[in-house]
Amino acid sequence: MSGTATCRILTISTHVDQAVDLANRIRHISSGTSSSDTLITDTSAIPWTLSNKYYTADVHFSAHAIQGFSPHLLKEVPAVIFVWSHGEAYKHHIERMASDIERHGPEVCLAIRVPATQRAIPNEDKDEGVEEDADIDDFLSSHGFEFIDAFSEPDTTRTDDLHASQGIPRLPRAVDALSTIMWPSMRQTRRTSVQPADELLHWADSMQNEEGEEGYLVDQTPSSAAAQHLRRQREMEALQRWLEEDEDSYNRPVLRQTVSSADKDDPWSVDSGQRTPDASSNNHHAFDDDFAAFVSASPDDSFSDADDDDDDSLNGDSEDGNKAKLPNQYHSLGSVSDINEYSERGTDEGDHVEDDNSLLPSEDEVKTMSDRLFAGAHAGTHRTQRTRVDEQDFEGDYDMTPFDLSRVFSALQGMKEEIADMGDEEARRSAAAKVALGLVYGLDAEARQAAH
């Protein structure tokens, strides 16, 4: 592949030997060897391994004289170098090649000036006069060439490209320019001195330090280390308190809730009133029913116990039996239509269901509770009193405007406090059922109204 046109550096000069000499100089600059070592005089193919810290590529120089130059030599060639010696005319050669180069579009085009040779220059090839380097650079760049001055031997100890006067780069710039080409023969350089990224990640994950991750990033002062230790100690104490919380706190007698300082500072609280703590709260003296049993369970099991239990438990002989079935009876009332359905089924199932249904709120109680919850949520809008709840009448009986949900939460919070003050467990659970059904009833009504 290195012998194909796609890996070729076409080197053109007034004399072939001048092009060959430049090719050898570039090869020796990249390898760091003396220019007198391994000289190659084959004009058709001067091999070179272009090497840098990223990749290596096997390419070759092909030297040609400007006399008899044919445009087909530019086909598929990615790099072209024109070489002339100091004192030679060059402009008419550049102008001649410019149109052909523009048509074929090589990636890199360099015009390199080399020192004058001892060979006599014909009068027709002599330069008309002395030019400033800046003027030469302007002319070459206007024709698509980059000017490189190799008039003197480059200083191989210098790593910068622009160490000549007036900013004209020296010969090492040629190596850098040729390195920008994506050669087909390029191979990635193995960097054995650097650990692969996955090994570094594995090392970072496996390292454990009692001072934490910050120790790897910055040097810690005694004060910062002490602050970090104190912070870690506070975090461990907070974790310990959370783990040691009384798991039986929900079984304690119901007392009025006291507001913690953390709740007062909570920017996400609905209002400044008291609220019932959840499982992660440190305050245990509050009403603990979050209504989950009434509204979160699946309705698939609704009334499943009513047909299976015996008459004794349904007639109220066992107080515990009534309490156990209440959640199943309440959680099935998930919408307005469920209230009607349960009322009709209760009538068909007989007197024993009516007895057990004594703890269930009536339709009027559910509507009244819903009105209390949603009364302050609408501006200038009142709910129409209804005597029967059904989907057909539902659409026409409500004329509602968008409501403020935060007011509903405030009303719900106040009712929780009222329930917390009740001393009788049956009354508390009955009131909680009314609140839960009223909330579901109202939200369902709002959703249906919004849909229409």
Protein backbone atom coordinates (compact mmCIF):
# COMPACT_ATOMS: atom_id res chain seq x y z
CA MET A 1 0.00 0.00 0.00
CA SER A 2 2.87 2.38 0.76
CA GLY A 3 3.84 2.29 -2.93
CA THR A 4 0.47 3.51 -4.23
CA ALA A 5 -0.39 7.07 -5.24
CA THR A 6 -2.42 7.59 -2.08
CA CYS A 7 0.79 7.22 -0.04
CA ARG A 8 2.91 9.38 -2.32
CA ILE A 9 4.58 12.74 -1.69
CA LEU A 10 5.10 14.28 -5.12
CA THR A 11 8.31 16.34 -5.02
CA ILE A 12 8.91 18.70 -7.97
CA SER A 13 11.96 20.87 -8.66
CA THR A 14 13.90 22.44 -11.52
CA HIS A 15 16.37 19.59 -11.04
CA VAL A 16 15.56 16.05 -9.95
CA ASP A 17 18.60 15.76 -7.70
CA GLN A 18 17.45 18.83 -5.81
CA ALA A 19 14.10 17.15 -5.12
CA VAL A 20 15.85 13.95 -4.01
CA ASP A 21 18.12 15.89 -1.69
CA LEU A 22 15.13 17.57 -0.01
CA ALA A 23 13.40 14.23 0.43
CA ASN A 24 16.44 12.84 2.22
CA ARG A 25 16.66 15.90 4.47
CA ILE A 26 13.05 15.48 5.56
CA ARG A 27 13.57 11.79 6.26
CA HIS A 28 16.63 12.48 8.40
CA ILE A 29 14.93 15.28 10.34
CA SER A 30 12.16 12.94 11.45
CA SER A 31 14.56 10.11 12.30
CA GLY A 32 17.23 12.32 13.89
CA THR A 33 20.06 10.83 11.85
CA SER A 34 22.77 12.62 9.88
CA SER A 35 21.96 13.76 6.35
CA SER A 36 24.90 11.71 5.05
CA ASP A 37 23.43 8.43 6.33
CA THR A 38 21.27 6.14 4.20
CA LEU A 39 20.98 8.44 1.23
CA ILE A 40 18.57 7.18 -1.42
CA THR A 41 18.88 8.36 -4.99
CA ASP A 42 15.97 6.46 -6.52
CA THR A 43 13.83 9.20 -7.95
CA SER A 44 10.67 7.14 -8.40
CA ALA A 45 10.27 5.94 -4.81
CA ILE A 46 12.14 7.15 -1.74
CA PRO A 47 10.57 5.24 1.20
CA TRP A 48 9.87 6.99 4.46
CA THR A 49 8.15 5.95 7.65
CA LEU A 50 6.35 8.98 9.02
CA SER A 51 6.23 8.56 12.77
CA ASN A 52 4.81 10.65 15.59
CA LYS A 53 3.34 10.06 19.03
CA TYR A 54 -0.06 9.16 17.57
CA TYR A 55 0.64 6.94 14.56
CA THR A 56 3.16 5.67 12.02
CA ALA A 57 2.63 5.54 8.27
CA ASP A 58 4.72 4.04 5.48
CA VAL A 59 4.86 6.54 2.58
CA HIS A 60 7.28 7.45 -0.16
CA PHE A 61 8.65 10.49 -2.00
CA SER A 62 8.50 10.62 -5.80
CA ALA A 63 10.92 13.14 -7.37
CA HIS A 64 10.21 14.81 -10.70
CA ALA A 65 11.64 17.71 -12.72
CA ILE A 66 9.41 20.64 -13.54
CA GLN A 67 10.31 20.34 -17.23
CA GLY A 68 7.96 17.82 -18.74
CA PHE A 69 5.69 17.86 -15.72
CA SER A 70 2.33 16.22 -16.52
CA PRO A 71 -0.90 16.89 -14.58
CA HIS A 72 -1.74 13.17 -14.42
CA LEU A 73 1.05 12.84 -11.82
CA LEU A 74 -1.22 14.68 -9.35
CA LYS A 75 -3.98 12.09 -9.53
CA GLU A 76 -4.84 10.72 -6.04
CA VAL A 77 -1.66 12.26 -4.60
CA PRO A 78 -2.34 13.74 -1.12
CA ALA A 79 0.84 15.89 -0.87
CA VAL A 80 2.84 18.06 -3.29
CA ILE A 81 6.18 19.77 -2.59
CA PHE A 82 7.75 22.30 -4.91
CA VAL A 83 11.46 22.90 -4.30
CA TRP A 84 13.59 25.79 -5.57
CA SER A 85 16.97 27.10 -4.56
CA HIS A 86 17.77 30.55 -3.34
CA GLY A 87 18.19 32.88 -6.34
CA GLU A 88 16.08 30.82 -8.73
CA ALA A 89 12.92 32.07 -10.36
CA TYR A 90 9.88 30.29 -9.03
CA LYS A 91 6.75 32.33 -9.74
CA HIS A 92 6.08 31.11 -13.25
CA HIS A 93 6.41 27.50 -12.09
CA ILE A 94 3.94 28.08 -9.26
CA GLU A 95 1.47 29.74 -11.62
CA ARG A 96 1.78 26.83 -14.02
CA MET A 97 1.04 24.20 -11.39
CA ALA A 98 -1.64 26.14 -9.53
CA SER A 99 -4.51 25.36 -11.89
CA ASP A 100 -3.69 21.64 -12.01
CA ILE A 101 -3.34 21.46 -8.24
CA GLU A 102 -6.65 23.20 -7.75
CA ARG A 103 -8.35 20.67 -10.03
CA HIS A 104 -6.97 17.60 -8.23
CA GLY A 105 -7.07 19.10 -4.72
CA PRO A 106 -4.18 17.52 -2.75
CA GLU A 107 -4.42 17.98 1.01
CA VAL A 108 -0.97 19.53 1.53
CA CYS A 109 0.95 21.82 -0.85
CA LEU A 110 4.37 23.09 0.29
CA ALA A 111 6.82 25.42 -1.45
CA ILE A 112 10.27 24.96 0.10
CA ARG A 113 13.25 27.19 -0.61
CA VAL A 114 16.63 25.50 -0.22
CA PRO A 115 20.17 26.92 -0.23
CA ALA A 116 21.75 27.80 -3.57
CA THR A 117 23.83 25.08 -5.18
CA GLN A 118 27.21 25.35 -6.84
CA ARG A 119 25.52 24.55 -10.11
CA ALA A 120 25.27 27.50 -12.45
CA ILE A 121 21.76 28.83 -12.83
CA PRO A 122 20.73 29.67 -16.43
CA ASN A 123 19.84 33.28 -17.00
CA GLU A 124 16.24 32.46 -17.80
CA ASP A 125 15.91 30.70 -14.42
CA LYS A 126 17.52 33.45 -12.36
CA ASP A 127 15.34 35.45 -10.05
CA GLU A 128 14.68 38.98 -11.20
CA GLY A 129 15.53 40.56 -7.89
CA VAL A 130 15.69 40.18 -4.14
CA GLU A 131 12.33 39.79 -2.41
CA GLU A 132 11.33 40.00 1.19
CA ASP A 133 10.22 36.74 2.74
CA ALA A 134 6.87 38.28 3.53
CA ASP A 135 6.29 39.05 -0.15
CA ILE A 136 7.21 35.52 -1.12
CA ASP A 137 4.84 34.16 1.48
CA ASP A 138 1.98 36.31 0.20
CA PHE A 139 2.47 35.18 -3.37
CA LEU A 140 2.67 31.49 -2.50
CA SER A 141 -0.31 31.52 -0.18
CA SER A 142 -2.41 33.24 -2.85
CA HIS A 143 -1.76 30.22 -5.08
CA GLY A 144 -2.44 27.59 -2.44
CA PHE A 145 1.11 26.87 -1.23
CA GLU A 146 2.61 27.14 2.23
CA PHE A 147 6.03 28.76 2.28
CA ILE A 148 8.82 26.96 4.18
CA ASP A 149 12.35 28.35 4.30
CA ALA A 150 15.04 25.67 4.34
CA PHE A 151 17.74 28.12 3.21
CA SER A 152 19.90 27.09 6.16
CA GLU A 153 20.24 23.82 8.02
CA PRO A 154 17.52 23.46 10.62
CA ASP A 155 18.35 23.36 14.28
CA THR A 156 17.18 19.89 15.30
CA THR A 157 17.43 20.78 19.00
CA ARG A 158 14.65 23.34 18.64
CA THR A 159 11.11 22.06 19.04
CA ASP A 160 9.31 25.13 17.78
CA ASP A 161 8.43 25.54 14.12
CA LEU A 162 8.62 29.29 13.95
CA HIS A 163 12.22 30.07 14.91
CA ALA A 164 13.07 32.07 11.80
CA SER A 165 12.74 35.78 11.23
CA GLN A 166 9.42 37.22 10.07
CA GLY A 167 7.54 34.10 11.18
CA ILE A 168 8.49 31.91 8.20
CA PRO A 169 8.73 28.27 9.36
CA ARG A 170 11.78 26.13 8.80
CA LEU A 171 12.04 22.58 7.44
CA PRO A 172 10.61 20.74 10.52
CA ARG A 173 7.31 22.34 9.62
CA ALA A 174 7.21 20.07 6.56
CA VAL A 175 7.08 17.00 8.80
CA ASP A 176 4.23 18.49 10.83
CA ALA A 177 2.27 19.40 7.72
CA LEU A 178 2.64 15.93 6.25
CA SER A 179 1.56 14.42 9.56
CA THR A 180 -1.88 16.00 9.21
CA ILE A 181 -2.75 13.71 6.31
CA MET A 182 -4.84 10.60 6.99
CA TRP A 183 -2.55 8.17 5.21
CA PRO A 184 -4.12 4.81 4.26
CA SER A 185 -1.08 3.02 5.66
CA MET A 186 -1.20 4.66 9.09
CA ARG A 187 -1.04 2.52 12.22
CA GLN A 188 -1.75 3.65 15.74
CA THR A 189 1.32 4.08 17.92
CA ARG A 190 1.45 1.86 20.98
CA ARG A 191 1.83 4.00 24.09
CA THR A 192 3.19 1.54 26.60
CA SER A 193 4.20 4.24 29.06
CA VAL A 194 0.60 5.22 29.76
CA GLN A 195 -1.87 2.95 31.51
CA PRO A 196 -5.07 2.23 29.60
CA ALA A 197 -8.08 4.19 30.73
CA ASP A 198 -9.92 1.10 31.98
CA GLU A 199 -6.97 0.14 34.19
CA LEU A 200 -6.92 3.61 35.70
CA LEU A 201 -10.64 3.43 36.39
CA HIS A 202 -10.24 0.04 38.03
CA TRP A 203 -7.42 1.41 40.16
CA ALA A 204 -9.51 4.41 41.21
CA ASP A 205 -12.47 2.22 42.15
CA SER A 206 -10.37 -0.20 44.18
CA MET A 207 -8.57 2.46 46.21
CA GLN A 208 -10.02 3.09 49.66
CA ASN A 209 -8.86 5.96 51.83
CA GLU A 210 -10.28 6.96 55.18
CA GLU A 211 -9.94 10.60 54.26
CA GLY A 212 -12.42 10.21 51.38
CA GLU A 213 -12.31 11.09 47.72
CA GLU A 214 -11.32 14.70 48.30
CA GLY A 215 -7.89 13.59 49.39
CA TYR A 216 -7.07 12.56 45.84
CA LEU A 217 -7.95 15.94 44.40
CA VAL A 218 -6.41 18.55 46.67
CA ASP A 219 -3.91 18.70 49.45
CA GLN A 220 -5.76 18.99 52.72
CA THR A 221 -4.81 21.46 55.38
CA PRO A 222 -5.26 20.56 59.05
CA SER A 223 -8.34 22.78 59.29
CA SER A 224 -10.01 21.25 56.23
CA ALA A 225 -9.24 17.74 57.46
CA ALA A 226 -10.81 18.53 60.82
CA ALA A 227 -13.90 19.99 59.18
CA GLN A 228 -14.25 16.92 56.99
CA HIS A 229 -13.94 14.62 59.98
CA LEU A 230 -16.60 16.61 61.88
CA ARG A 231 -18.96 16.50 58.94
CA ARG A 232 -18.52 12.75 58.57
CA GLN A 233 -19.14 12.29 62.28
CA ARG A 234 -22.39 14.26 62.09
CA GLU A 235 -23.52 12.15 59.15
CA MET A 236 -22.84 8.93 61.05
CA GLU A 237 -24.72 10.22 64.10
CA ALA A 238 -27.71 11.17 61.96
CA LEU A 239 -27.70 7.71 60.38
CA GLN A 240 -27.54 6.08 63.80
CA ARG A 241 -30.49 8.11 65.07
CA TRP A 242 -32.53 7.12 62.04
CA LEU A 243 -31.74 3.44 62.55
CA GLU A 244 -32.62 3.61 66.26
CA GLU A 245 -36.03 5.24 65.81
CA ASP A 246 -38.86 3.50 67.67
CA GLU A 247 -40.59 1.22 65.19
CA ASP A 248 -43.72 1.09 67.41
CA SER A 249 -44.29 4.84 67.30
CA TYR A 250 -47.50 4.40 65.32
CA ASN A 251 -49.05 2.35 68.15
CA ARG A 252 -48.70 5.16 70.72
CA PRO A 253 -51.79 7.13 71.94
CA VAL A 254 -52.82 9.88 69.60
CA LEU A 255 -51.62 13.29 70.80
CA ARG A 256 -51.61 16.72 69.17
CA GLN A 257 -48.74 17.11 66.79
CA THR A 258 -45.99 19.56 67.59
CA VAL A 259 -44.24 21.21 64.69
CA SER A 260 -40.51 20.60 64.43
CA SER A 261 -38.10 23.28 63.37
CA ALA A 262 -37.27 21.30 60.24
CA ASP A 263 -40.93 21.44 59.16
CA LYS A 264 -41.05 25.20 59.70
CA ASP A 265 -38.06 25.69 57.45
CA ASP A 266 -39.28 23.36 54.73
CA PRO A 267 -39.79 25.54 51.61
CA TRP A 268 -41.91 22.84 49.97
CA SER A 269 -44.59 22.63 52.64
CA VAL A 270 -48.10 23.53 51.49
CA ASP A 271 -48.65 26.06 54.25
CA SER A 272 -47.35 26.99 57.68
CA GLY A 273 -49.80 24.75 59.55
CA GLN A 274 -49.12 21.45 61.25
CA ARG A 275 -48.79 18.31 59.18
CA THR A 276 -48.80 14.62 59.86
CA PRO A 277 -45.27 13.13 59.76
CA ASP A 278 -44.40 10.28 57.45
CA ALA A 279 -42.31 7.22 58.24
CA SER A 280 -39.06 9.19 58.11
CA SER A 281 -40.19 11.88 60.52
CA ASN A 282 -38.84 12.15 64.06
CA ASN A 283 -42.16 13.42 65.47
CA HIS A 284 -44.42 10.57 66.55
CA HIS A 285 -47.19 12.46 68.41
CA ALA A 286 -49.69 12.94 65.62
CA PHE A 287 -52.54 11.24 63.82
CA ASP A 288 -50.99 8.40 61.85
CA ASP A 289 -53.62 7.52 59.25
CA ASP A 290 -52.46 8.57 55.76
CA PHE A 291 -55.58 7.11 54.08
CA ALA A 292 -53.43 4.72 52.03
CA ALA A 293 -55.62 1.80 52.98
CA PHE A 294 -58.68 3.49 51.55
CA VAL A 295 -57.51 4.82 48.21
CA SER A 296 -54.35 2.97 47.12
CA ALA A 297 -55.43 -0.66 46.99
CA SER A 298 -56.59 -2.34 43.78
CA PRO A 299 -60.38 -2.50 43.32
CA ASP A 300 -60.12 -6.07 41.98
CA ASP A 301 -60.59 -7.51 45.47
CA SER A 302 -63.57 -5.29 46.30
CA PHE A 303 -66.27 -6.96 48.33
CA SER A 304 -64.40 -10.26 48.12
CA ASP A 305 -64.79 -10.78 51.86
CA ALA A 306 -68.49 -9.95 51.94
CA ASP A 307 -69.52 -13.23 50.31
CA ASP A 308 -67.00 -15.45 52.09
CA ASP A 309 -67.30 -14.42 55.75
CA ASP A 310 -69.90 -16.01 57.99
CA ASP A 311 -72.96 -14.24 59.37
CA ASP A 312 -71.45 -13.81 62.82
CA SER A 313 -68.63 -11.58 61.64
CA LEU A 314 -70.95 -9.68 59.28
CA ASN A 315 -73.52 -9.02 61.98
CA GLY A 316 -70.96 -7.36 64.18
CA ASP A 317 -70.38 -10.20 66.68
CA SER A 318 -66.66 -9.68 66.29
CA GLU A 319 -65.52 -6.10 66.62
CA ASP A 320 -62.14 -7.01 65.17
CA GLY A 321 -63.88 -8.51 62.17
CA ASN A 322 -65.56 -5.22 61.37
CA LYS A 323 -62.31 -3.32 61.62
CA ALA A 324 -60.49 -5.78 59.42
CA LYS A 325 -63.04 -5.49 56.62
CA LEU A 326 -63.35 -1.73 56.64
CA PRO A 327 -60.30 -1.06 54.49
CA ASN A 328 -61.50 -3.49 51.80
CA GLN A 329 -64.92 -1.89 51.76
CA TYR A 330 -63.59 1.66 51.60
CA HIS A 331 -60.77 1.28 49.12
CA SER A 332 -63.14 0.03 46.44
CA LEU A 333 -64.92 3.38 46.30
CA GLY A 334 -62.42 4.88 43.89
CA SER A 335 -64.80 7.03 41.85
CA VAL A 336 -68.25 8.57 41.79
CA SER A 337 -69.72 5.61 39.96
CA ASP A 338 -68.41 3.22 42.65
CA ILE A 339 -70.53 4.91 45.32
CA ASN A 340 -73.73 4.18 43.41
CA GLU A 341 -72.57 0.66 42.62
CA TYR A 342 -71.92 -0.13 46.23
CA SER A 343 -75.23 1.33 47.36
CA GLU A 344 -77.16 -0.82 44.87
CA ARG A 345 -75.19 -3.96 45.74
CA GLY A 346 -75.69 -3.32 49.45
CA THR A 347 -79.44 -3.28 48.94
CA ASP A 348 -79.41 -6.56 47.03
CA GLU A 349 -77.21 -8.44 49.47
CA GLY A 350 -79.53 -8.21 52.44
CA ASP A 351 -79.77 -6.87 55.94
CA HIS A 352 -76.45 -8.28 57.16
CA VAL A 353 -74.62 -5.99 54.76
CA GLU A 354 -76.67 -3.05 55.95
CA ASP A 355 -75.57 -3.73 59.50
CA ASP A 356 -71.92 -3.87 58.52
CA ASN A 357 -72.42 -0.82 56.33
CA SER A 358 -73.33 1.30 59.35
CA LEU A 359 -69.73 2.49 59.62
CA LEU A 360 -69.58 3.50 55.96
CA PRO A 361 -70.36 7.17 55.27
CA SER A 362 -73.46 7.85 53.26
CA GLU A 363 -73.50 9.55 49.91
CA ASP A 364 -74.61 12.81 51.51
CA GLU A 365 -71.76 12.63 54.03
CA VAL A 366 -69.24 12.00 51.27
CA LYS A 367 -70.60 14.94 49.25
CA THR A 368 -70.56 17.18 52.30
CA MET A 369 -66.99 16.27 53.09
CA SER A 370 -66.00 16.83 49.45
CA ASP A 371 -67.59 20.26 49.56
CA ARG A 372 -65.58 21.10 52.68
CA LEU A 373 -62.36 20.02 51.01
CA PHE A 374 -62.93 21.81 47.73
CA ALA A 375 -65.03 24.79 48.87
CA GLY A 376 -62.05 27.15 49.14
CA ALA A 377 -60.38 25.90 46.01
CA HIS A 378 -62.71 27.71 43.56
CA ALA A 379 -63.09 31.45 43.17
CA GLY A 380 -66.73 32.49 43.10
CA THR A 381 -67.98 28.97 42.28
CA HIS A 382 -70.27 26.79 44.43
CA ARG A 383 -71.01 23.13 44.04
CA THR A 384 -74.60 22.23 43.22
CA GLN A 385 -76.27 20.15 45.89
CA ARG A 386 -77.13 16.75 44.48
CA THR A 387 -79.48 14.08 45.64
CA ARG A 388 -78.21 11.30 43.37
CA VAL A 389 -74.73 10.68 41.98
CA ASP A 390 -74.57 9.27 38.53
CA GLU A 391 -72.43 9.85 35.49
CA GLN A 392 -75.27 11.18 33.38
CA ASP A 393 -76.18 13.95 35.83
CA PHE A 394 -72.58 14.61 36.66
CA GLU A 395 -71.74 16.49 33.48
CA GLY A 396 -74.40 19.16 33.88
CA ASP A 397 -74.37 19.81 37.62
CA TYR A 398 -70.88 21.30 37.88
CA ASP A 399 -69.76 24.63 36.60
CA MET A 400 -66.24 24.88 37.90
CA THR A 401 -63.26 27.09 37.26
CA PRO A 402 -59.63 25.98 37.70
CA PHE A 403 -59.02 25.40 41.39
CA ASP A 404 -56.09 25.91 43.71
CA LEU A 405 -54.84 22.49 44.80
CA SER A 406 -52.87 24.00 47.67
CA ARG A 407 -56.16 25.05 49.29
CA VAL A 408 -57.35 21.46 49.11
CA PHE A 409 -54.20 20.31 50.87
CA SER A 410 -54.70 22.99 53.52
CA ALA A 411 -58.27 21.84 54.15
CA LEU A 412 -57.11 18.22 54.26
CA GLN A 413 -54.44 19.14 56.77
CA GLY A 414 -56.95 20.85 59.02
CA MET A 415 -59.21 17.80 58.95
CA LYS A 416 -56.30 15.60 59.93
CA GLU A 417 -55.86 17.74 63.02
CA GLU A 418 -59.53 17.43 63.84
CA ILE A 419 -59.34 13.65 63.52
CA ALA A 420 -56.25 13.59 65.73
CA ASP A 421 -58.27 15.19 68.56
CA MET A 422 -60.86 12.43 68.53
CA GLY A 423 -60.48 10.02 71.42
CA ASP A 424 -62.56 7.14 70.03
CA GLU A 425 -60.81 4.87 67.56
CA GLU A 426 -64.06 4.02 65.73
CA ALA A 427 -64.87 7.70 65.28
CA ARG A 428 -61.39 8.41 63.99
CA ARG A 429 -61.54 5.67 61.40
CA SER A 430 -65.06 6.66 60.32
CA ALA A 431 -63.96 10.28 59.94
CA ALA A 432 -60.87 9.20 58.05
CA ALA A 433 -63.06 7.24 55.66
CA LYS A 434 -65.23 10.29 55.04
CA VAL A 435 -62.19 12.43 54.29
CA ALA A 436 -60.67 9.82 51.99
CA LEU A 437 -63.89 9.25 50.04
CA GLY A 438 -64.60 12.96 49.90
CA LEU A 439 -61.15 13.60 48.48
CA VAL A 440 -61.53 10.87 45.85
CA TYR A 441 -65.03 12.07 45.03
CA GLY A 442 -63.88 15.66 44.54
CA LEU A 443 -60.78 14.83 42.53
CA ASP A 444 -62.77 12.55 40.28
CA ALA A 445 -65.28 15.31 39.73
CA GLU A 446 -62.54 17.80 38.88
CA ALA A 447 -60.96 15.36 36.43
CA ARG A 448 -64.24 14.63 34.69
CA GLN A 449 -65.10 18.32 34.45
CA ALA A 450 -61.68 19.10 32.99
CA ALA A 451 -62.12 16.34 30.41
CA HIS A 452 -65.36 17.93 29.24
